Amino acid sequence: WRYDDEWFSAFMERVFCGELGLPERALPALAGRLF
Protein backbone atom coordinates (compact mmCIF):
# COMPACT_ATOMS: atom_id res chain seq x y z
CA TRP A 1 0.00 0.00 0.00
CA ARG A 2 1.30 3.44 -0.85
CA TYR A 3 4.03 4.59 1.57
CA ASP A 4 4.45 1.27 3.38
CA ASP A 5 7.93 -0.27 3.31
CA GLU A 6 7.20 -2.59 0.40
CA TRP A 7 5.81 0.26 -1.70
CA PHE A 8 8.79 2.46 -0.90
CA SER A 9 11.16 -0.37 -1.83
CA ALA A 10 9.56 -0.48 -5.28
CA PHE A 11 9.67 3.32 -5.45
CA MET A 12 13.39 3.41 -4.69
CA GLU A 13 14.17 0.63 -7.15
CA ARG A 14 12.40 2.45 -9.97
CA VAL A 15 13.95 5.80 -9.08
CA PHE A 16 17.53 4.69 -8.64
CA CYS A 17 17.83 1.62 -10.88
CA GLY A 18 15.15 2.29 -13.48
CA GLU A 19 15.58 6.05 -13.85
CA LEU A 20 19.11 6.82 -12.66
CA GLY A 21 21.09 3.70 -13.56
CA LEU A 22 22.14 2.49 -10.11
CA PRO A 23 23.36 -1.13 -10.20
CA GLU A 24 20.84 -3.38 -8.48
CA ARG A 25 23.54 -4.76 -6.17
CA ALA A 26 23.87 -1.30 -4.59
CA LEU A 27 20.15 -0.90 -3.92
CA PRO A 28 19.85 -2.77 -0.57
CA ALA A 29 22.45 -0.55 1.12
CA LEU A 30 20.90 2.59 -0.32
CA ALA A 31 17.34 1.61 0.62
CA GLY A 32 18.38 0.64 4.14
CA ARG A 33 20.04 4.00 4.62
CA LEU A 34 16.99 5.90 3.33
CA PHE A 35 14.57 3.95 5.50
ModelCIF file with pLDDT and N, C-alpha, C, O atoms, coordinates in Angstrom:
data_MODEL
#
_entry.id   MODEL 
#
_entity.id                         1 
_entity.type                       polymer 
_entity.pdbx_number_of_molecules   1 
#
_entity_poly.entity_id                      1 
_entity_poly.type                           'polypeptide(L)' 
_entity_poly.nstd_linkage                   no 
_entity_poly.nstd_monomer                   no 
_entity_poly.pdbx_seq_one_letter_code       WRYDDEWFSAFMERVFCGELGLPERALPALAGRLF 
_entity_poly.pdbx_seq_one_letter_code_can   WRYDDEWFSAFMERVFCGELGLPERALPALAGRLF 
_entity_poly.pdbx_strand_id                 A 
#
loop_
_entity_poly_seq.entity_id 
_entity_poly_seq.num 
_entity_poly_seq.mon_id 
_entity_poly_seq.hetero 
1 1  TRP n 
1 2  ARG n 
1 3  TYR n 
1 4  ASP n 
1 5  ASP n 
1 6  GLU n 
1 7  TRP n 
1 8  PHE n 
1 9  SER n 
1 10 ALA n 
1 11 PHE n 
1 12 MET n 
1 13 GLU n 
1 14 ARG n 
1 15 VAL n 
1 16 PHE n 
1 17 CYS n 
1 18 GLY n 
1 19 GLU n 
1 20 LEU n 
1 21 GLY n 
1 22 LEU n 
1 23 PRO n 
1 24 GLU n 
1 25 ARG n 
1 26 ALA n 
1 27 LEU n 
1 28 PRO n 
1 29 ALA n 
1 30 LEU n 
1 31 ALA n 
1 32 GLY n 
1 33 ARG n 
1 34 LEU n 
1 35 PHE n 
#
_struct_asym.id          A 
_struct_asym.entity_id   1 
#
loop_
_ma_qa_metric.id 
_ma_qa_metric.mode 
_ma_qa_metric.name 
_ma_qa_metric.software_group_id 
_ma_qa_metric.type 
1 global pLDDT . pLDDT 
2 local  pLDDT . pLDDT 
#
_ma_qa_metric_global.metric_id      1 
_ma_qa_metric_global.metric_value   95.83 
_ma_qa_metric_global.model_id       1 
_ma_qa_metric_global.ordinal_id     1 
#
loop_
_ma_qa_metric_local.label_asym_id 
_ma_qa_metric_local.label_comp_id 
_ma_qa_metric_local.label_seq_id 
_ma_qa_metric_local.metric_id 
_ma_qa_metric_local.metric_value 
_ma_qa_metric_local.model_id 
_ma_qa_metric_local.ordinal_id 
A TRP 1  2 97.00 1 1  
A ARG 2  2 98.00 1 2  
A TYR 3  2 98.00 1 3  
A ASP 4  2 98.00 1 4  
A ASP 5  2 97.00 1 5  
A GLU 6  2 98.00 1 6  
A TRP 7  2 98.00 1 7  
A PHE 8  2 98.00 1 8  
A SER 9  2 97.00 1 9  
A ALA 10 2 98.00 1 10 
A PHE 11 2 98.00 1 11 
A MET 12 2 97.00 1 12 
A GLU 13 2 97.00 1 13 
A ARG 14 2 98.00 1 14 
A VAL 15 2 97.00 1 15 
A PHE 16 2 96.00 1 16 
A CYS 17 2 96.00 1 17 
A GLY 18 2 96.00 1 18 
A GLU 19 2 96.00 1 19 
A LEU 20 2 94.00 1 20 
A GLY 21 2 92.00 1 21 
A LEU 22 2 91.00 1 22 
A PRO 23 2 92.00 1 23 
A GLU 24 2 93.00 1 24 
A ARG 25 2 92.00 1 25 
A ALA 26 2 91.00 1 26 
A LEU 27 2 94.00 1 27 
A PRO 28 2 95.00 1 28 
A ALA 29 2 94.00 1 29 
A LEU 30 2 95.00 1 30 
A ALA 31 2 96.00 1 31 
A GLY 32 2 96.00 1 32 
A ARG 33 2 96.00 1 33 
A LEU 34 2 97.00 1 34 
A PHE 35 2 98.00 1 35 
#
loop_
_atom_site.group_PDB 
_atom_site.id 
_atom_site.type_symbol 
_atom_site.label_atom_id 
_atom_site.label_alt_id 
_atom_site.label_comp_id 
_atom_site.label_asym_id 
_atom_site.label_entity_id 
_atom_site.label_seq_id 
_atom_site.pdbx_PDB_ins_code 
_atom_site.Cartn_x 
_atom_site.Cartn_y 
_atom_site.Cartn_z 
_atom_site.occupancy 
_atom_site.B_iso_or_equiv 
_atom_site.pdbx_formal_charge 
_atom_site.auth_seq_id 
_atom_site.auth_comp_id 
_atom_site.auth_asym_id 
_atom_site.auth_atom_id 
_atom_site.pdbx_PDB_model_num 
ATOM 1   N N  . TRP A 1 1  ? 0.860  -1.175 0.000   1.00 97.00 ? 1  TRP A N  1 
ATOM 2   C CA . TRP A 1 1  ? 0.000  0.000  0.000   1.00 97.00 ? 1  TRP A CA 1 
ATOM 3   C C  . TRP A 1 1  ? 0.904  1.234  0.000   1.00 97.00 ? 1  TRP A C  1 
ATOM 4   O O  . TRP A 1 1  ? 1.969  1.244  0.616   1.00 97.00 ? 1  TRP A O  1 
ATOM 5   N N  . ARG A 1 2  ? 0.457  2.261  -0.697  1.00 98.00 ? 2  ARG A N  1 
ATOM 6   C CA . ARG A 1 2  ? 1.301  3.441  -0.854  1.00 98.00 ? 2  ARG A CA 1 
ATOM 7   C C  . ARG A 1 2  ? 1.882  3.922  0.482   1.00 98.00 ? 2  ARG A C  1 
ATOM 8   O O  . ARG A 1 2  ? 1.171  4.110  1.469   1.00 98.00 ? 2  ARG A O  1 
ATOM 9   N N  . TYR A 1 3  ? 3.200  4.109  0.467   1.00 98.00 ? 3  TYR A N  1 
ATOM 10  C CA . TYR A 1 3  ? 4.025  4.587  1.574   1.00 98.00 ? 3  TYR A CA 1 
ATOM 11  C C  . TYR A 1 3  ? 4.344  3.541  2.632   1.00 98.00 ? 3  TYR A C  1 
ATOM 12  O O  . TYR A 1 3  ? 4.996  3.871  3.622   1.00 98.00 ? 3  TYR A O  1 
ATOM 13  N N  . ASP A 1 4  ? 3.902  2.268  2.462   1.00 98.00 ? 4  ASP A N  1 
ATOM 14  C CA . ASP A 1 4  ? 4.445  1.269  3.380   1.00 98.00 ? 4  ASP A CA 1 
ATOM 15  C C  . ASP A 1 4  ? 5.824  0.859  2.878   1.00 98.00 ? 4  ASP A C  1 
ATOM 16  O O  . ASP A 1 4  ? 6.242  1.288  1.803   1.00 98.00 ? 4  ASP A O  1 
ATOM 17  N N  . ASP A 1 5  ? 6.535  0.035  3.643   1.00 97.00 ? 5  ASP A N  1 
ATOM 18  C CA . ASP A 1 5  ? 7.926  -0.267 3.309   1.00 97.00 ? 5  ASP A CA 1 
ATOM 19  C C  . ASP A 1 5  ? 8.053  -0.971 1.964   1.00 97.00 ? 5  ASP A C  1 
ATOM 20  O O  . ASP A 1 5  ? 8.982  -0.699 1.203   1.00 97.00 ? 5  ASP A O  1 
ATOM 21  N N  . GLU A 1 6  ? 7.128  -1.871 1.670   1.00 98.00 ? 6  GLU A N  1 
ATOM 22  C CA . GLU A 1 6  ? 7.201  -2.595 0.400   1.00 98.00 ? 6  GLU A CA 1 
ATOM 23  C C  . GLU A 1 6  ? 6.986  -1.649 -0.778  1.00 98.00 ? 6  GLU A C  1 
ATOM 24  O O  . GLU A 1 6  ? 7.660  -1.762 -1.801  1.00 98.00 ? 6  GLU A O  1 
ATOM 25  N N  . TRP A 1 7  ? 6.051  -0.721 -0.633  1.00 98.00 ? 7  TRP A N  1 
ATOM 26  C CA . TRP A 1 7  ? 5.806  0.257  -1.704  1.00 98.00 ? 7  TRP A CA 1 
ATOM 27  C C  . TRP A 1 7  ? 7.034  1.146  -1.892  1.00 98.00 ? 7  TRP A C  1 
ATOM 28  O O  . TRP A 1 7  ? 7.447  1.415  -3.020  1.00 98.00 ? 7  TRP A O  1 
ATOM 29  N N  . PHE A 1 8  ? 7.611  1.596  -0.786  1.00 98.00 ? 8  PHE A N  1 
ATOM 30  C CA . PHE A 1 8  ? 8.788  2.457  -0.899  1.00 98.00 ? 8  PHE A CA 1 
ATOM 31  C C  . PHE A 1 8  ? 9.985  1.704  -1.482  1.00 98.00 ? 8  PHE A C  1 
ATOM 32  O O  . PHE A 1 8  ? 10.812 2.303  -2.168  1.00 98.00 ? 8  PHE A O  1 
ATOM 33  N N  . SER A 1 9  ? 10.085 0.411  -1.219  1.00 97.00 ? 9  SER A N  1 
ATOM 34  C CA . SER A 1 9  ? 11.164 -0.374 -1.830  1.00 97.00 ? 9  SER A CA 1 
ATOM 35  C C  . SER A 1 9  ? 11.032 -0.366 -3.344  1.00 97.00 ? 9  SER A C  1 
ATOM 36  O O  . SER A 1 9  ? 12.022 -0.209 -4.058  1.00 97.00 ? 9  SER A O  1 
ATOM 37  N N  . ALA A 1 10 ? 9.801  -0.535 -3.837  1.00 98.00 ? 10 ALA A N  1 
ATOM 38  C CA . ALA A 1 10 ? 9.562  -0.480 -5.276  1.00 98.00 ? 10 ALA A CA 1 
ATOM 39  C C  . ALA A 1 10 ? 9.830  0.921  -5.808  1.00 98.00 ? 10 ALA A C  1 
ATOM 40  O O  . ALA A 1 10 ? 10.395 1.080  -6.890  1.00 98.00 ? 10 ALA A O  1 
ATOM 41  N N  . PHE A 1 11 ? 9.428  1.927  -5.055  1.00 98.00 ? 11 PHE A N  1 
ATOM 42  C CA . PHE A 1 11 ? 9.665  3.321  -5.453  1.00 98.00 ? 11 PHE A CA 1 
ATOM 43  C C  . PHE A 1 11 ? 11.161 3.588  -5.613  1.00 98.00 ? 11 PHE A C  1 
ATOM 44  O O  . PHE A 1 11 ? 11.587 4.155  -6.619  1.00 98.00 ? 11 PHE A O  1 
ATOM 45  N N  . MET A 1 12 ? 11.954 3.183  -4.630  1.00 97.00 ? 12 MET A N  1 
ATOM 46  C CA . MET A 1 12 ? 13.394 3.408  -4.690  1.00 97.00 ? 12 MET A CA 1 
ATOM 47  C C  . MET A 1 12 ? 14.041 2.651  -5.844  1.00 97.00 ? 12 MET A C  1 
ATOM 48  O O  . MET A 1 12 ? 14.920 3.177  -6.527  1.00 97.00 ? 12 MET A O  1 
ATOM 49  N N  . GLU A 1 13 ? 13.603 1.417  -6.056  1.00 97.00 ? 13 GLU A N  1 
ATOM 50  C CA . GLU A 1 13 ? 14.166 0.630  -7.145  1.00 97.00 ? 13 GLU A CA 1 
ATOM 51  C C  . GLU A 1 13 ? 13.920 1.307  -8.483  1.00 97.00 ? 13 GLU A C  1 
ATOM 52  O O  . GLU A 1 13 ? 14.815 1.369  -9.326  1.00 97.00 ? 13 GLU A O  1 
ATOM 53  N N  . ARG A 1 14 ? 12.707 1.815  -8.679  1.00 98.00 ? 14 ARG A N  1 
ATOM 54  C CA . ARG A 1 14 ? 12.397 2.454  -9.967  1.00 98.00 ? 14 ARG A CA 1 
ATOM 55  C C  . ARG A 1 14 ? 13.104 3.795  -10.116 1.00 98.00 ? 14 ARG A C  1 
ATOM 56  O O  . ARG A 1 14 ? 13.520 4.163  -11.214 1.00 98.00 ? 14 ARG A O  1 
ATOM 57  N N  . VAL A 1 15 ? 13.239 4.522  -9.013  1.00 97.00 ? 15 VAL A N  1 
ATOM 58  C CA . VAL A 1 15 ? 13.949 5.800  -9.084  1.00 97.00 ? 15 VAL A CA 1 
ATOM 59  C C  . VAL A 1 15 ? 15.428 5.586  -9.381  1.00 97.00 ? 15 VAL A C  1 
ATOM 60  O O  . VAL A 1 15 ? 15.969 6.145  -10.335 1.00 97.00 ? 15 VAL A O  1 
ATOM 61  N N  . PHE A 1 16 ? 16.073 4.772  -8.556  1.00 96.00 ? 16 PHE A N  1 
ATOM 62  C CA . PHE A 1 16 ? 17.528 4.688  -8.636  1.00 96.00 ? 16 PHE A CA 1 
ATOM 63  C C  . PHE A 1 16 ? 18.018 3.730  -9.716  1.00 96.00 ? 16 PHE A C  1 
ATOM 64  O O  . PHE A 1 16 ? 18.987 4.039  -10.410 1.00 96.00 ? 16 PHE A O  1 
ATOM 65  N N  . CYS A 1 17 ? 17.381 2.585  -9.873  1.00 96.00 ? 17 CYS A N  1 
ATOM 66  C CA . CYS A 1 17 ? 17.826 1.616  -10.877 1.00 96.00 ? 17 CYS A CA 1 
ATOM 67  C C  . CYS A 1 17 ? 17.169 1.896  -12.231 1.00 96.00 ? 17 CYS A C  1 
ATOM 68  O O  . CYS A 1 17 ? 17.846 1.943  -13.258 1.00 96.00 ? 17 CYS A O  1 
ATOM 69  N N  . GLY A 1 18 ? 15.853 2.079  -12.224 1.00 96.00 ? 18 GLY A N  1 
ATOM 70  C CA . GLY A 1 18 ? 15.152 2.287  -13.480 1.00 96.00 ? 18 GLY A CA 1 
ATOM 71  C C  . GLY A 1 18 ? 15.415 3.626  -14.123 1.00 96.00 ? 18 GLY A C  1 
ATOM 72  O O  . GLY A 1 18 ? 15.593 3.709  -15.338 1.00 96.00 ? 18 GLY A O  1 
ATOM 73  N N  . GLU A 1 19 ? 15.444 4.698  -13.308 1.00 96.00 ? 19 GLU A N  1 
ATOM 74  C CA . GLU A 1 19 ? 15.584 6.054  -13.850 1.00 96.00 ? 19 GLU A CA 1 
ATOM 75  C C  . GLU A 1 19 ? 17.030 6.551  -13.864 1.00 96.00 ? 19 GLU A C  1 
ATOM 76  O O  . GLU A 1 19 ? 17.438 7.250  -14.791 1.00 96.00 ? 19 GLU A O  1 
ATOM 77  N N  . LEU A 1 20 ? 17.801 6.194  -12.841 1.00 94.00 ? 20 LEU A N  1 
ATOM 78  C CA . LEU A 1 20 ? 19.114 6.818  -12.659 1.00 94.00 ? 20 LEU A CA 1 
ATOM 79  C C  . LEU A 1 20 ? 20.293 5.885  -12.895 1.00 94.00 ? 20 LEU A C  1 
ATOM 80  O O  . LEU A 1 20 ? 21.444 6.317  -12.833 1.00 94.00 ? 20 LEU A O  1 
ATOM 81  N N  . GLY A 1 21 ? 20.023 4.611  -13.164 1.00 92.00 ? 21 GLY A N  1 
ATOM 82  C CA . GLY A 1 21 ? 21.088 3.701  -13.557 1.00 92.00 ? 21 GLY A CA 1 
ATOM 83  C C  . GLY A 1 21 ? 21.923 3.122  -12.435 1.00 92.00 ? 21 GLY A C  1 
ATOM 84  O O  . GLY A 1 21 ? 23.048 2.684  -12.676 1.00 92.00 ? 21 GLY A O  1 
ATOM 85  N N  . LEU A 1 22 ? 21.406 3.106  -11.212 1.00 91.00 ? 22 LEU A N  1 
ATOM 86  C CA . LEU A 1 22 ? 22.145 2.493  -10.108 1.00 91.00 ? 22 LEU A CA 1 
ATOM 87  C C  . LEU A 1 22 ? 22.175 0.980  -10.289 1.00 91.00 ? 22 LEU A C  1 
ATOM 88  O O  . LEU A 1 22 ? 21.132 0.387  -10.565 1.00 91.00 ? 22 LEU A O  1 
ATOM 89  N N  . PRO A 1 23 ? 23.332 0.332  -10.145 1.00 92.00 ? 23 PRO A N  1 
ATOM 90  C CA . PRO A 1 23 ? 23.364 -1.135 -10.197 1.00 92.00 ? 23 PRO A CA 1 
ATOM 91  C C  . PRO A 1 23 ? 22.497 -1.739 -9.111  1.00 92.00 ? 23 PRO A C  1 
ATOM 92  O O  . PRO A 1 23 ? 22.491 -1.260 -7.977  1.00 92.00 ? 23 PRO A O  1 
ATOM 93  N N  . GLU A 1 24 ? 21.769 -2.784 -9.451  1.00 93.00 ? 24 GLU A N  1 
ATOM 94  C CA . GLU A 1 24 ? 20.843 -3.376 -8.477  1.00 93.00 ? 24 GLU A CA 1 
ATOM 95  C C  . GLU A 1 24 ? 21.555 -3.862 -7.225  1.00 93.00 ? 24 GLU A C  1 
ATOM 96  O O  . GLU A 1 24 ? 20.961 -3.872 -6.147  1.00 93.00 ? 24 GLU A O  1 
ATOM 97  N N  . ARG A 1 25 ? 22.806 -4.262 -7.344  1.00 92.00 ? 25 ARG A N  1 
ATOM 98  C CA . ARG A 1 25 ? 23.539 -4.755 -6.173  1.00 92.00 ? 25 ARG A CA 1 
ATOM 99  C C  . ARG A 1 25 ? 23.736 -3.664 -5.117  1.00 92.00 ? 25 ARG A C  1 
ATOM 100 O O  . ARG A 1 25 ? 23.939 -3.968 -3.941  1.00 92.00 ? 25 ARG A O  1 
ATOM 101 N N  . ALA A 1 26 ? 23.677 -2.399 -5.532  1.00 91.00 ? 26 ALA A N  1 
ATOM 102 C CA . ALA A 1 26 ? 23.870 -1.298 -4.588  1.00 91.00 ? 26 ALA A CA 1 
ATOM 103 C C  . ALA A 1 26 ? 22.570 -0.865 -3.922  1.00 91.00 ? 26 ALA A C  1 
ATOM 104 O O  . ALA A 1 26 ? 22.589 -0.081 -2.973  1.00 91.00 ? 26 ALA A O  1 
ATOM 105 N N  . LEU A 1 27 ? 21.441 -1.371 -4.415  1.00 94.00 ? 27 LEU A N  1 
ATOM 106 C CA . LEU A 1 27 ? 20.151 -0.897 -3.921  1.00 94.00 ? 27 LEU A CA 1 
ATOM 107 C C  . LEU A 1 27 ? 19.887 -1.240 -2.456  1.00 94.00 ? 27 LEU A C  1 
ATOM 108 O O  . LEU A 1 27 ? 19.408 -0.369 -1.730  1.00 94.00 ? 27 LEU A O  1 
ATOM 109 N N  . PRO A 1 28 ? 20.171 -2.463 -1.973  1.00 95.00 ? 28 PRO A N  1 
ATOM 110 C CA . PRO A 1 28 ? 19.854 -2.765 -0.570  1.00 95.00 ? 28 PRO A CA 1 
ATOM 111 C C  . PRO A 1 28 ? 20.510 -1.807 0.417   1.00 95.00 ? 28 PRO A C  1 
ATOM 112 O O  . PRO A 1 28 ? 19.864 -1.371 1.371   1.00 95.00 ? 28 PRO A O  1 
ATOM 113 N N  . ALA A 1 29 ? 21.778 -1.471 0.205   1.00 94.00 ? 29 ALA A N  1 
ATOM 114 C CA . ALA A 1 29 ? 22.451 -0.547 1.117   1.00 94.00 ? 29 ALA A CA 1 
ATOM 115 C C  . ALA A 1 29 ? 21.820 0.833  1.049   1.00 94.00 ? 29 ALA A C  1 
ATOM 116 O O  . ALA A 1 29 ? 21.619 1.479  2.077   1.00 94.00 ? 29 ALA A O  1 
ATOM 117 N N  . LEU A 1 30 ? 21.510 1.283  -0.149  1.00 95.00 ? 30 LEU A N  1 
ATOM 118 C CA . LEU A 1 30 ? 20.896 2.593  -0.315  1.00 95.00 ? 30 LEU A CA 1 
ATOM 119 C C  . LEU A 1 30 ? 19.514 2.642  0.329   1.00 95.00 ? 30 LEU A C  1 
ATOM 120 O O  . LEU A 1 30 ? 19.198 3.586  1.053   1.00 95.00 ? 30 LEU A O  1 
ATOM 121 N N  . ALA A 1 31 ? 18.698 1.635  0.069   1.00 96.00 ? 31 ALA A N  1 
ATOM 122 C CA . ALA A 1 31 ? 17.345 1.608  0.618   1.00 96.00 ? 31 ALA A CA 1 
ATOM 123 C C  . ALA A 1 31 ? 17.380 1.539  2.139   1.00 96.00 ? 31 ALA A C  1 
ATOM 124 O O  . ALA A 1 31 ? 16.602 2.218  2.809   1.00 96.00 ? 31 ALA A O  1 
ATOM 125 N N  . GLY A 1 32 ? 18.278 0.725  2.688   1.00 96.00 ? 32 GLY A N  1 
ATOM 126 C CA . GLY A 1 32 ? 18.383 0.635  4.137   1.00 96.00 ? 32 GLY A CA 1 
ATOM 127 C C  . GLY A 1 32 ? 18.737 1.966  4.764   1.00 96.00 ? 32 GLY A C  1 
ATOM 128 O O  . GLY A 1 32 ? 18.202 2.338  5.808   1.00 96.00 ? 32 GLY A O  1 
ATOM 129 N N  . ARG A 1 33 ? 19.646 2.681  4.114   1.00 96.00 ? 33 ARG A N  1 
ATOM 130 C CA . ARG A 1 33 ? 20.042 3.999  4.617   1.00 96.00 ? 33 ARG A CA 1 
ATOM 131 C C  . ARG A 1 33 ? 18.870 4.975  4.557   1.00 96.00 ? 33 ARG A C  1 
ATOM 132 O O  . ARG A 1 33 ? 18.646 5.727  5.505   1.00 96.00 ? 33 ARG A O  1 
ATOM 133 N N  . LEU A 1 34 ? 18.118 4.972  3.454   1.00 97.00 ? 34 LEU A N  1 
ATOM 134 C CA . LEU A 1 34 ? 16.992 5.898  3.326   1.00 97.00 ? 34 LEU A CA 1 
ATOM 135 C C  . LEU A 1 34 ? 15.880 5.584  4.314   1.00 97.00 ? 34 LEU A C  1 
ATOM 136 O O  . LEU A 1 34 ? 15.291 6.495  4.895   1.00 97.00 ? 34 LEU A O  1 
ATOM 137 N N  . PHE A 1 35 ? 15.587 4.303  4.508   1.00 98.00 ? 35 PHE A N  1 
ATOM 138 C CA . PHE A 1 35 ? 14.571 3.949  5.495   1.00 98.00 ? 35 PHE A CA 1 
ATOM 139 C C  . PHE A 1 35 ? 14.973 4.470  6.883   1.00 98.00 ? 35 PHE A C  1 
ATOM 140 O O  . PHE A 1 35 ? 14.241 4.270  7.853   1.00 98.00 ? 35 PHE A O  1 
#
